[in-house]
N, C-alpha and C. Protein backbone atom coordinates (compact mmCIF):
# COMPACT_ATOMS: atom_id res chain seq x y z
N MET A 1 182.51 -52.30 42.03
CA MET A 1 182.43 -53.59 41.39
C MET A 1 182.84 -53.43 39.93
N VAL A 2 183.64 -54.38 39.44
CA VAL A 2 184.09 -54.39 38.05
C VAL A 2 183.71 -55.74 37.44
N ASN A 3 183.10 -55.70 36.27
CA ASN A 3 182.78 -56.92 35.52
C ASN A 3 183.57 -56.92 34.23
N ARG A 4 184.13 -58.06 33.88
CA ARG A 4 184.88 -58.19 32.63
C ARG A 4 184.54 -59.52 31.98
N GLU A 5 184.39 -59.49 30.67
CA GLU A 5 184.19 -60.73 29.92
C GLU A 5 185.54 -61.15 29.36
N VAL A 6 185.81 -62.43 29.40
CA VAL A 6 187.09 -62.96 28.93
C VAL A 6 186.83 -64.24 28.15
N THR A 7 187.66 -64.48 27.15
CA THR A 7 187.56 -65.69 26.33
C THR A 7 188.72 -66.61 26.66
N ILE A 8 188.43 -67.88 26.88
CA ILE A 8 189.47 -68.88 27.15
C ILE A 8 190.23 -69.12 25.86
N MET A 9 191.54 -68.91 25.88
CA MET A 9 192.36 -68.99 24.67
C MET A 9 193.20 -70.26 24.57
N ASN A 10 193.55 -70.88 25.70
CA ASN A 10 194.44 -72.04 25.61
C ASN A 10 193.67 -73.28 25.17
N ASP A 11 194.38 -74.17 24.46
CA ASP A 11 193.75 -75.34 23.86
C ASP A 11 193.08 -76.28 24.86
N GLU A 12 193.63 -76.40 26.04
CA GLU A 12 193.09 -77.34 27.04
C GLU A 12 191.94 -76.77 27.85
N GLY A 13 191.64 -75.49 27.69
CA GLY A 13 190.62 -74.87 28.53
C GLY A 13 191.14 -74.72 29.95
N ILE A 14 190.24 -74.73 30.91
CA ILE A 14 190.67 -74.61 32.31
C ILE A 14 190.66 -76.00 32.94
N GLN A 15 191.75 -76.71 32.77
CA GLN A 15 191.97 -78.01 33.40
C GLN A 15 192.81 -77.79 34.65
N ALA A 16 193.36 -78.85 35.23
CA ALA A 16 194.03 -78.77 36.53
C ALA A 16 195.16 -77.74 36.58
N GLN A 17 196.06 -77.76 35.61
CA GLN A 17 197.19 -76.84 35.66
C GLN A 17 196.74 -75.39 35.52
N ALA A 18 195.89 -75.11 34.55
CA ALA A 18 195.39 -73.74 34.36
C ALA A 18 194.57 -73.30 35.57
N ALA A 19 193.76 -74.20 36.11
CA ALA A 19 192.95 -73.86 37.29
C ALA A 19 193.85 -73.49 38.47
N SER A 20 194.91 -74.26 38.67
CA SER A 20 195.83 -73.99 39.76
C SER A 20 196.49 -72.62 39.59
N LEU A 21 196.93 -72.31 38.37
CA LEU A 21 197.54 -71.02 38.10
C LEU A 21 196.55 -69.88 38.31
N LEU A 22 195.31 -70.08 37.87
CA LEU A 22 194.28 -69.05 38.01
C LEU A 22 193.95 -68.80 39.48
N VAL A 23 193.77 -69.87 40.24
CA VAL A 23 193.46 -69.73 41.67
C VAL A 23 194.61 -69.03 42.39
N ARG A 24 195.83 -69.41 42.07
CA ARG A 24 197.00 -68.79 42.70
C ARG A 24 197.06 -67.30 42.36
N ALA A 25 196.80 -66.96 41.10
CA ALA A 25 196.82 -65.55 40.69
C ALA A 25 195.70 -64.76 41.37
N ALA A 26 194.50 -65.32 41.42
CA ALA A 26 193.36 -64.64 42.04
C ALA A 26 193.59 -64.44 43.54
N SER A 27 194.25 -65.40 44.16
CA SER A 27 194.47 -65.33 45.61
C SER A 27 195.45 -64.25 46.02
N ARG A 28 196.16 -63.69 45.06
CA ARG A 28 197.10 -62.60 45.36
C ARG A 28 196.37 -61.29 45.65
N PHE A 29 195.08 -61.21 45.34
CA PHE A 29 194.31 -59.98 45.50
C PHE A 29 193.35 -60.11 46.67
N SER A 30 193.09 -59.00 47.33
CA SER A 30 192.16 -59.02 48.46
C SER A 30 190.70 -58.97 48.01
N SER A 31 190.45 -58.54 46.80
CA SER A 31 189.07 -58.44 46.29
C SER A 31 188.41 -59.81 46.19
N ARG A 32 187.09 -59.79 46.32
CA ARG A 32 186.31 -61.00 46.03
C ARG A 32 186.25 -61.11 44.50
N ILE A 33 186.52 -62.31 44.00
CA ILE A 33 186.55 -62.52 42.55
C ILE A 33 185.70 -63.74 42.24
N SER A 34 184.71 -63.55 41.37
CA SER A 34 183.88 -64.68 40.97
C SER A 34 183.93 -64.84 39.46
N ILE A 35 183.67 -66.07 39.03
CA ILE A 35 183.66 -66.40 37.61
C ILE A 35 182.30 -66.99 37.28
N GLU A 36 181.69 -66.45 36.24
CA GLU A 36 180.37 -66.92 35.80
C GLU A 36 180.50 -67.59 34.43
N ARG A 37 179.97 -68.79 34.35
CA ARG A 37 179.89 -69.53 33.08
C ARG A 37 178.44 -70.01 32.95
N GLY A 38 177.72 -69.42 32.03
CA GLY A 38 176.29 -69.74 31.93
C GLY A 38 175.58 -69.29 33.18
N ASN A 39 174.85 -70.22 33.81
CA ASN A 39 174.12 -69.90 35.04
C ASN A 39 174.91 -70.21 36.30
N ARG A 40 176.13 -70.66 36.14
CA ARG A 40 176.93 -71.08 37.29
C ARG A 40 177.94 -70.00 37.66
N VAL A 41 178.06 -69.72 38.96
CA VAL A 41 179.02 -68.74 39.47
C VAL A 41 179.88 -69.44 40.51
N VAL A 42 181.22 -69.29 40.37
CA VAL A 42 182.14 -69.91 41.32
C VAL A 42 183.12 -68.86 41.84
N ASN A 43 183.70 -69.18 42.98
CA ASN A 43 184.73 -68.34 43.59
C ASN A 43 186.05 -68.61 42.85
N ALA A 44 186.68 -67.57 42.31
CA ALA A 44 187.93 -67.73 41.55
C ALA A 44 189.09 -68.16 42.44
N LYS A 45 188.93 -68.11 43.75
CA LYS A 45 189.99 -68.51 44.67
C LYS A 45 189.80 -69.93 45.17
N SER A 46 188.83 -70.64 44.60
CA SER A 46 188.52 -72.02 44.99
C SER A 46 188.91 -72.98 43.87
N MET A 47 189.87 -73.83 44.14
CA MET A 47 190.31 -74.80 43.13
C MET A 47 189.16 -75.69 42.67
N MET A 48 188.40 -76.19 43.61
CA MET A 48 187.27 -77.07 43.25
C MET A 48 186.23 -76.31 42.44
N GLY A 49 185.96 -75.08 42.81
CA GLY A 49 184.99 -74.28 42.07
C GLY A 49 185.44 -74.04 40.64
N VAL A 50 186.69 -73.63 40.47
CA VAL A 50 187.22 -73.33 39.14
C VAL A 50 187.25 -74.60 38.29
N LEU A 51 187.71 -75.70 38.84
CA LEU A 51 187.74 -76.96 38.09
C LEU A 51 186.35 -77.43 37.70
N SER A 52 185.40 -77.23 38.59
CA SER A 52 184.04 -77.74 38.34
C SER A 52 183.33 -77.02 37.20
N MET A 53 183.86 -75.86 36.77
CA MET A 53 183.24 -75.14 35.66
C MET A 53 183.38 -75.90 34.35
N GLY A 54 184.51 -76.57 34.17
CA GLY A 54 184.75 -77.29 32.93
C GLY A 54 184.83 -76.39 31.71
N ALA A 55 185.39 -75.20 31.87
CA ALA A 55 185.47 -74.23 30.77
C ALA A 55 186.43 -74.72 29.69
N THR A 56 186.04 -74.57 28.43
CA THR A 56 186.85 -75.04 27.31
C THR A 56 187.27 -73.88 26.41
N LYS A 57 188.21 -74.16 25.52
CA LYS A 57 188.73 -73.13 24.62
C LYS A 57 187.59 -72.46 23.86
N GLY A 58 187.67 -71.14 23.77
CA GLY A 58 186.69 -70.35 23.04
C GLY A 58 185.49 -69.91 23.86
N GLU A 59 185.32 -70.48 25.04
CA GLU A 59 184.18 -70.09 25.88
C GLU A 59 184.41 -68.72 26.48
N LYS A 60 183.31 -68.00 26.66
CA LYS A 60 183.36 -66.69 27.30
C LYS A 60 182.91 -66.84 28.74
N LEU A 61 183.68 -66.20 29.62
CA LEU A 61 183.36 -66.18 31.04
C LEU A 61 183.21 -64.73 31.47
N VAL A 62 182.42 -64.50 32.50
CA VAL A 62 182.30 -63.16 33.08
C VAL A 62 182.94 -63.21 34.46
N LEU A 63 183.93 -62.35 34.65
CA LEU A 63 184.60 -62.25 35.93
C LEU A 63 184.09 -61.00 36.64
N THR A 64 183.81 -61.13 37.93
CA THR A 64 183.35 -60.01 38.75
C THR A 64 184.34 -59.81 39.88
N PHE A 65 184.76 -58.57 40.05
CA PHE A 65 185.75 -58.19 41.05
C PHE A 65 185.13 -57.17 41.98
N GLU A 66 185.30 -57.37 43.28
CA GLU A 66 184.74 -56.43 44.24
C GLU A 66 185.68 -56.28 45.43
N GLY A 67 186.22 -55.07 45.59
CA GLY A 67 187.11 -54.81 46.72
C GLY A 67 188.10 -53.72 46.41
N GLU A 68 189.02 -53.51 47.33
CA GLU A 68 189.99 -52.42 47.24
C GLU A 68 190.83 -52.45 45.98
N ASP A 69 191.27 -53.63 45.57
CA ASP A 69 192.16 -53.74 44.43
C ASP A 69 191.47 -54.33 43.20
N GLU A 70 190.16 -54.06 43.08
CA GLU A 70 189.36 -54.69 42.02
C GLU A 70 189.85 -54.34 40.61
N ARG A 71 190.24 -53.12 40.38
CA ARG A 71 190.68 -52.74 39.03
C ARG A 71 192.00 -53.41 38.65
N GLN A 72 192.93 -53.42 39.59
CA GLN A 72 194.21 -54.09 39.34
C GLN A 72 193.99 -55.59 39.14
N ALA A 73 193.14 -56.18 39.97
CA ALA A 73 192.84 -57.61 39.84
C ALA A 73 192.20 -57.90 38.49
N ALA A 74 191.26 -57.07 38.07
CA ALA A 74 190.58 -57.27 36.79
C ALA A 74 191.57 -57.20 35.63
N ASP A 75 192.37 -56.16 35.61
CA ASP A 75 193.34 -56.00 34.52
C ASP A 75 194.31 -57.17 34.47
N THR A 76 194.81 -57.57 35.62
CA THR A 76 195.81 -58.64 35.69
C THR A 76 195.22 -59.99 35.29
N LEU A 77 194.08 -60.35 35.85
CA LEU A 77 193.53 -61.68 35.58
C LEU A 77 193.00 -61.82 34.16
N VAL A 78 192.39 -60.77 33.63
CA VAL A 78 191.91 -60.84 32.24
C VAL A 78 193.09 -61.02 31.30
N ARG A 79 194.13 -60.26 31.50
CA ARG A 79 195.33 -60.37 30.67
C ARG A 79 195.94 -61.77 30.80
N PHE A 80 195.97 -62.30 32.02
CA PHE A 80 196.53 -63.63 32.29
C PHE A 80 195.73 -64.72 31.58
N ILE A 81 194.42 -64.67 31.69
CA ILE A 81 193.57 -65.68 31.05
C ILE A 81 193.69 -65.59 29.53
N GLU A 82 193.65 -64.37 29.00
CA GLU A 82 193.72 -64.21 27.55
C GLU A 82 195.09 -64.56 26.99
N SER A 83 196.11 -64.61 27.84
CA SER A 83 197.44 -65.03 27.39
C SER A 83 197.55 -66.55 27.33
N GLY A 84 196.48 -67.23 27.67
CA GLY A 84 196.52 -68.70 27.72
C GLY A 84 197.21 -69.19 28.98
N PHE A 85 197.18 -68.37 30.03
CA PHE A 85 197.78 -68.67 31.33
C PHE A 85 199.30 -68.72 31.26
N THR A 86 199.88 -67.97 30.34
CA THR A 86 201.34 -67.99 30.18
C THR A 86 202.01 -66.70 30.65
N GLU A 87 201.27 -65.61 30.75
CA GLU A 87 201.88 -64.35 31.18
C GLU A 87 202.32 -64.45 32.62
N ILE A 88 203.48 -63.90 32.93
CA ILE A 88 203.99 -63.92 34.29
C ILE A 88 203.27 -62.83 35.08
N ILE A 89 202.71 -63.20 36.23
CA ILE A 89 201.99 -62.28 37.09
C ILE A 89 202.99 -61.64 38.06
N ARG A 90 203.00 -60.34 38.10
CA ARG A 90 203.89 -59.63 39.04
C ARG A 90 203.09 -58.98 40.12
């Protein structure tokens, strides 16, 4: 299991477009990926879950990765989120 803290950098926070990009990026990995904001934990591969967080710029989230590709998923998604959802995921 890998835990990483990440700060939302883009001005809009995690709205529809960013949520869609995040869910798509998370779904590329086989690991279970969850996002914690305060007392709420959501599945990073669920559009409704990610949108329902209402995360805004400057907020810190804790991402938890568990599975075969957890380290690669952690490195990729943290970098992606901190880029403001602009980095190209390969």
